[in-house]
Amino acid sequence: MRHDITPSNNAPHMAASVFAGLSATGLAPLRRIELGDGMSLALWRRATTGLEIAYEQPGHHTLAYYLRAGSGTRRQGDNSALRDGDICSLPDRHVSHWLVRGELTFLHLYFTPQQIERRAVLELDCEPRAAQLHDRRYVEAERLAHLCQSLMAEPGHDPDGLLRANTLAHEALSALLHAQGRGVGDAQWRGGLPPYLRRRLADYIEAHLDQPLSLGALAAQACLSEFHFLRVFRASFGMPPHAWIAMRRIERARQLLRGTDCTMQRVADDCGYGDLAHFSRRFRQAVGCAPTRYRAALRG
């Protein structure tokens, strides 16, 4: 029996087609969690004597971790069967057909391409356009496997558990990006900033997150007019300057809340928010909970 997983371009429900497609095969979802930030996960279990599953350009990336890979489960065209502990990355536009056999328990982490693109600038020092998820299988990625196991163990039944699962998923995607390597790296892409200017701007923003940042000041760093700067910044960072700065301020706040004992006022000041109320409001909008709750959940 063949079951197709069809594309979906609706970001809030990006995993609906994959989830429905796998459910139609008789796979039993032990758990499904909407993680926020364009990510969701599902934990699956199934014992079968033989089943074919087809992925047809699902429209989102998938990270698959096989706690139990069955017996002889393999991708068609690949003579090597999956083993317990194997990890696969399946890009949004890939097409593949799988023969599933035996007893399987596996995790799927679904996420938007933007999750990889945004990490490319900061973690691989390359443009978002150069950050392509590879269609590949990982057999020795201990850090990534450990994070996937932690995700499987986190039930996410309450807001605190959901926050922990969200954080683990972010860490897993960073580990995935590093496991697959740089890819295109510093290739010059038409319409964007040269690599040295992209790095200069990224560093300048990080060093001034605690201060007001203006479009004019950023454009001056690149010696460009504000109009031209807006176009090339979006090409090189994947979003306009105000969105990038807002994202980086929230990420710095997360890091400070996780790793320091700074007061809430100090965190707000270090992230460039005018007052504590403004910081709390923006953090809640971005993360889904108050900063005090976030700190307590990750330290609980």
Protein backbone atom coordinates (compact mmCIF):
# COMPACT_ATOMS: atom_id res chain seq x y z
CA MET A 1 0.00 0.00 0.00
CA ARG A 2 1.31 3.45 -0.92
CA HIS A 3 0.45 6.65 0.92
CA ASP A 4 1.51 10.07 -0.41
CA ILE A 5 2.38 13.07 1.70
CA THR A 6 1.36 16.11 -0.29
CA PRO A 7 2.68 19.71 -0.16
CA SER A 8 1.33 22.31 2.19
CA ASN A 9 2.19 26.01 1.91
CA ASN A 10 0.19 27.06 4.96
CA ALA A 11 2.88 27.77 7.59
CA PRO A 12 0.65 27.57 10.73
CA HIS A 13 -0.46 24.08 9.64
CA MET A 14 2.70 23.05 7.86
CA ALA A 15 2.84 19.55 9.38
CA ALA A 16 -0.83 18.75 8.78
CA SER A 17 -0.22 16.93 5.48
CA VAL A 18 2.65 14.83 6.87
CA PHE A 19 0.76 14.05 10.04
CA ALA A 20 -2.39 13.09 8.14
CA GLY A 21 -0.41 11.10 5.60
CA LEU A 22 1.39 9.03 8.22
CA SER A 23 -1.78 8.59 10.28
CA ALA A 24 -3.54 7.19 7.20
CA THR A 25 -0.97 4.38 7.03
CA GLY A 26 -1.94 3.16 10.48
CA LEU A 27 1.03 4.69 12.24
CA ALA A 28 -0.04 5.56 15.76
CA PRO A 29 1.09 9.00 17.01
CA LEU A 30 2.10 8.65 20.64
CA ARG A 31 2.43 12.42 20.96
CA ARG A 32 2.02 15.52 18.84
CA ILE A 33 3.13 18.98 20.02
CA GLU A 34 2.94 22.37 18.34
CA LEU A 35 6.17 23.93 19.56
CA GLY A 36 5.76 27.46 18.21
CA ASP A 37 8.37 29.36 16.19
CA GLY A 38 7.37 27.44 13.07
CA MET A 39 8.14 24.04 14.61
CA SER A 40 6.14 20.99 15.66
CA LEU A 41 6.94 17.41 16.53
CA ALA A 42 5.29 14.02 16.43
CA LEU A 43 6.36 10.76 18.04
CA TRP A 44 5.28 7.70 16.06
CA ARG A 45 5.08 3.96 16.67
CA ARG A 46 4.08 1.15 14.33
CA ALA A 47 4.68 -2.54 13.78
CA THR A 48 4.12 -3.69 10.19
CA THR A 49 5.07 -6.53 7.87
CA GLY A 50 5.54 -4.07 5.01
CA LEU A 51 4.31 -0.63 4.06
CA GLU A 52 5.36 1.96 1.46
CA ILE A 53 5.33 5.65 2.37
CA ALA A 54 5.94 8.40 -0.19
CA TYR A 55 7.06 11.97 0.55
CA GLU A 56 6.16 14.30 -2.31
CA GLN A 57 7.54 17.81 -1.73
CA PRO A 58 5.91 18.31 1.70
CA GLY A 59 6.63 22.07 1.77
CA HIS A 60 8.56 22.00 5.05
CA HIS A 61 11.75 20.43 6.38
CA THR A 62 11.66 17.24 8.47
CA LEU A 63 14.22 15.86 10.90
CA ALA A 64 13.61 12.15 11.59
CA TYR A 65 15.23 10.24 14.47
CA TYR A 66 14.71 6.47 14.58
CA LEU A 67 14.84 5.08 18.10
CA ARG A 68 13.74 1.76 16.63
CA ALA A 69 14.22 1.46 12.89
CA GLY A 70 12.40 -1.83 12.36
CA SER A 71 13.91 -4.62 10.27
CA GLY A 72 14.88 -3.81 6.73
CA THR A 73 13.32 -0.35 6.70
CA ARG A 74 14.96 1.51 3.84
CA ARG A 75 14.60 4.25 1.29
CA GLN A 76 13.92 2.86 -2.17
CA GLY A 77 17.11 2.95 -4.20
CA ASP A 78 19.25 2.64 -1.07
CA ASN A 79 20.54 -0.84 -0.32
CA SER A 80 21.46 0.09 3.25
CA ALA A 81 18.69 -0.44 5.80
CA LEU A 82 18.08 2.05 8.60
CA ARG A 83 19.54 1.19 11.97
CA ASP A 84 18.43 2.09 15.49
CA GLY A 85 19.67 5.61 16.27
CA ASP A 86 19.89 6.76 12.64
CA ILE A 87 18.88 10.32 11.77
CA CYS A 88 17.62 11.63 8.43
CA SER A 89 17.05 15.18 7.21
CA LEU A 90 14.36 15.56 4.55
CA PRO A 91 14.19 18.98 2.83
CA ASP A 92 10.96 20.73 1.97
CA ARG A 93 11.10 19.98 -1.76
CA HIS A 94 12.49 16.46 -1.68
CA VAL A 95 10.77 13.38 -3.08
CA SER A 96 11.38 9.96 -1.54
CA HIS A 97 9.75 6.57 -1.18
CA TRP A 98 10.29 4.36 1.85
CA LEU A 99 9.65 0.70 2.56
CA VAL A 100 8.78 0.37 6.25
CA ARG A 101 9.01 -3.02 7.95
CA GLY A 102 9.14 -4.27 11.52
CA GLU A 103 8.60 -2.42 14.78
CA LEU A 104 9.32 1.31 14.51
CA THR A 105 9.49 4.15 17.02
CA PHE A 106 10.61 7.44 15.56
CA LEU A 107 10.51 11.18 16.13
CA HIS A 108 9.63 13.72 13.46
CA LEU A 109 10.56 17.36 14.00
CA TYR A 110 8.87 19.57 11.38
CA PHE A 111 10.13 23.09 10.78
CA THR A 112 10.07 25.90 8.25
CA PRO A 113 13.03 26.61 5.95
CA GLN A 114 13.37 29.99 7.71
CA GLN A 115 14.58 28.19 10.84
CA ILE A 116 17.69 27.03 8.96
CA GLU A 117 18.13 30.28 7.03
CA ARG A 118 18.22 32.48 10.15
CA ARG A 119 20.84 30.29 11.77
CA ALA A 120 23.02 30.43 8.66
CA VAL A 121 24.00 34.07 9.20
CA LEU A 122 25.03 33.68 12.84
CA GLU A 123 26.22 30.09 13.07
CA LEU A 124 27.72 29.38 9.64
CA ASP A 125 28.50 32.96 8.58
CA CYS A 126 26.75 32.61 5.24
CA GLU A 127 23.72 34.11 3.55
CA PRO A 128 20.29 32.57 4.12
CA ARG A 129 20.16 31.79 0.39
CA ALA A 130 23.23 29.59 0.82
CA ALA A 131 21.74 27.57 3.68
CA GLN A 132 20.12 24.59 2.03
CA LEU A 133 19.14 21.60 4.13
CA HIS A 134 20.75 18.46 2.71
CA ASP A 135 18.80 15.33 1.89
CA ARG A 136 20.96 12.91 3.85
CA ARG A 137 21.34 10.34 6.58
CA TYR A 138 23.47 10.81 9.70
CA VAL A 139 24.96 7.77 11.45
CA GLU A 140 27.40 9.51 13.80
CA ALA A 141 25.88 12.70 15.19
CA GLU A 142 25.99 12.19 18.95
CA ARG A 143 24.93 15.70 19.96
CA LEU A 144 21.98 15.66 17.59
CA ALA A 145 20.94 12.17 18.70
CA HIS A 146 21.08 13.21 22.36
CA LEU A 147 18.82 16.21 21.71
CA CYS A 148 16.35 14.06 19.78
CA GLN A 149 16.24 11.58 22.67
CA SER A 150 15.60 14.46 25.09
CA LEU A 151 12.76 15.66 22.87
CA MET A 152 11.23 12.19 22.91
CA ALA A 153 11.40 12.15 26.72
CA GLU A 154 9.80 15.59 27.17
CA PRO A 155 5.99 15.14 27.24
CA GLY A 156 5.24 18.85 26.87
CA HIS A 157 1.93 18.45 28.69
CA ASP A 158 2.07 21.84 30.43
CA PRO A 159 3.40 25.31 29.54
CA ASP A 160 6.73 24.65 31.26
CA GLY A 161 7.22 21.39 29.41
CA LEU A 162 6.31 23.07 26.14
CA LEU A 163 8.98 25.71 26.74
CA ARG A 164 11.57 23.04 27.44
CA ALA A 165 10.60 21.18 24.27
CA ASN A 166 10.78 24.41 22.26
CA THR A 167 14.28 25.09 23.56
CA LEU A 168 15.42 21.52 22.81
CA ALA A 169 14.04 21.81 19.27
CA HIS A 170 15.98 25.03 18.66
CA GLU A 171 19.15 23.34 19.91
CA ALA A 172 18.48 20.30 17.70
CA LEU A 173 18.17 22.47 14.59
CA SER A 174 21.45 24.21 15.38
CA ALA A 175 23.11 20.80 15.85
CA LEU A 176 21.61 19.65 12.55
CA LEU A 177 22.99 22.68 10.74
CA HIS A 178 26.49 22.04 12.10
CA ALA A 179 26.28 18.30 11.43
CA GLN A 180 25.63 18.82 7.74
CA GLY A 181 28.39 21.42 7.31
CA ARG A 182 28.68 24.77 5.63
CA GLY A 183 27.41 23.98 2.16
CA VAL A 184 27.83 26.96 -0.15
CA GLY A 185 29.33 29.15 2.57
CA ASP A 186 30.81 32.48 1.49
CA ALA A 187 29.82 32.40 -2.16
CA GLN A 188 28.85 35.86 -3.39
CA TRP A 189 25.15 36.01 -4.13
CA ARG A 190 23.84 38.60 -6.52
CA GLY A 191 21.92 41.44 -4.87
CA GLY A 192 23.29 40.97 -1.35
CA LEU A 193 26.08 42.32 0.79
CA PRO A 194 29.67 41.13 0.48
CA PRO A 195 30.50 38.64 3.27
CA TYR A 196 32.72 41.11 5.14
CA LEU A 197 29.93 43.71 5.26
CA ARG A 198 27.38 41.12 6.34
CA ARG A 199 29.68 40.15 9.22
CA ARG A 200 30.33 43.79 10.10
CA LEU A 201 26.61 44.53 10.31
CA ALA A 202 25.82 41.39 12.30
CA ASP A 203 28.59 42.23 14.79
CA TYR A 204 27.54 45.88 14.99
CA ILE A 205 23.94 44.94 15.77
CA GLU A 206 25.00 42.42 18.44
CA ALA A 207 27.25 45.01 20.08
CA HIS A 208 24.50 47.64 20.16
CA LEU A 209 21.38 45.65 21.07
CA ASP A 210 21.20 47.55 24.34
CA GLN A 211 20.94 50.86 22.48
CA PRO A 212 18.51 52.46 20.01
CA LEU A 213 19.42 51.43 16.46
CA SER A 214 18.40 53.52 13.46
CA LEU A 215 18.23 52.67 9.79
CA GLY A 216 20.58 55.56 9.04
CA ALA A 217 23.23 54.29 11.45
CA LEU A 218 23.06 50.79 10.00
CA ALA A 219 23.21 52.05 6.42
CA ALA A 220 26.26 54.14 7.33
CA GLN A 221 28.08 50.97 8.42
CA ALA A 222 27.71 49.71 4.86
CA CYS A 223 28.27 53.12 3.23
CA LEU A 224 24.90 52.84 1.47
CA SER A 225 21.78 54.95 1.19
CA GLU A 226 18.88 53.87 3.40
CA PHE A 227 16.85 52.86 0.33
CA HIS A 228 19.57 50.64 -1.15
CA PHE A 229 20.52 49.29 2.28
CA LEU A 230 17.01 47.97 2.94
CA ARG A 231 17.08 45.86 -0.22
CA VAL A 232 20.53 44.34 0.26
CA PHE A 233 20.00 43.73 3.99
CA ARG A 234 16.87 41.68 3.32
CA ALA A 235 18.74 39.67 0.69
CA SER A 236 21.64 38.96 3.04
CA PHE A 237 19.75 38.39 6.32
CA GLY A 238 16.43 37.02 5.09
CA MET A 239 14.33 39.75 6.72
CA PRO A 240 14.26 43.55 7.09
CA PRO A 241 16.52 45.23 9.69
CA HIS A 242 13.79 45.89 12.27
CA ALA A 243 12.71 42.23 12.25
CA TRP A 244 16.31 40.99 12.57
CA ILE A 245 17.00 43.33 15.48
CA ALA A 246 13.79 42.32 17.25
CA MET A 247 14.66 38.64 16.82
CA ARG A 248 18.18 39.14 18.16
CA ARG A 249 16.91 41.07 21.19
CA ILE A 250 14.53 38.27 22.09
CA GLU A 251 17.30 35.68 21.62
CA ARG A 252 19.65 37.66 23.87
CA ALA A 253 16.88 37.84 26.47
CA ARG A 254 16.43 34.07 26.29
CA GLN A 255 20.16 33.54 26.78
CA LEU A 256 20.30 35.89 29.75
CA LEU A 257 17.25 34.32 31.37
CA ARG A 258 18.66 30.80 30.90
CA GLY A 259 22.27 31.41 31.79
CA THR A 260 22.44 34.29 34.29
CA ASP A 261 20.81 35.53 37.47
CA CYS A 262 20.35 39.06 36.13
CA THR A 263 17.29 40.88 37.36
CA MET A 264 14.44 41.38 34.90
CA GLN A 265 15.26 45.06 34.73
CA ARG A 266 18.88 44.28 33.86
CA VAL A 267 17.79 41.88 31.15
CA ALA A 268 15.43 44.49 29.73
CA ASP A 269 18.22 47.10 29.74
CA ASP A 270 20.78 44.78 28.15
CA CYS A 271 18.36 43.95 25.35
CA GLY A 272 17.47 47.55 24.53
CA TYR A 273 13.91 47.72 25.83
CA GLY A 274 12.77 51.09 27.11
CA ASP A 275 11.20 49.74 30.29
CA LEU A 276 10.34 46.49 31.99
CA ALA A 277 6.69 46.54 30.89
CA HIS A 278 7.74 46.94 27.25
CA PHE A 279 10.21 44.06 27.58
CA SER A 280 7.65 41.77 29.22
CA ARG A 281 5.07 42.54 26.56
CA ARG A 282 7.45 41.92 23.65
CA PHE A 283 8.84 38.75 25.21
CA ARG A 284 5.37 37.35 25.82
CA GLN A 285 4.37 38.12 22.22
CA ALA A 286 7.45 36.35 20.85
CA VAL A 287 7.79 33.40 23.23
CA GLY A 288 4.26 32.91 24.54
CA CYS A 289 4.91 33.45 28.23
CA ALA A 290 6.27 36.04 30.65
CA PRO A 291 10.06 36.18 31.09
CA THR A 292 9.75 35.13 34.75
CA ARG A 293 7.82 32.02 33.71
CA TYR A 294 10.38 31.25 31.00
CA ARG A 295 13.26 31.35 33.49
CA ALA A 296 11.41 29.21 36.02
CA ALA A 297 10.42 26.61 33.41
CA LEU A 298 13.96 26.10 32.12
CA ARG A 299 15.42 25.90 35.61
CA GLY A 300 12.71 23.77 37.11
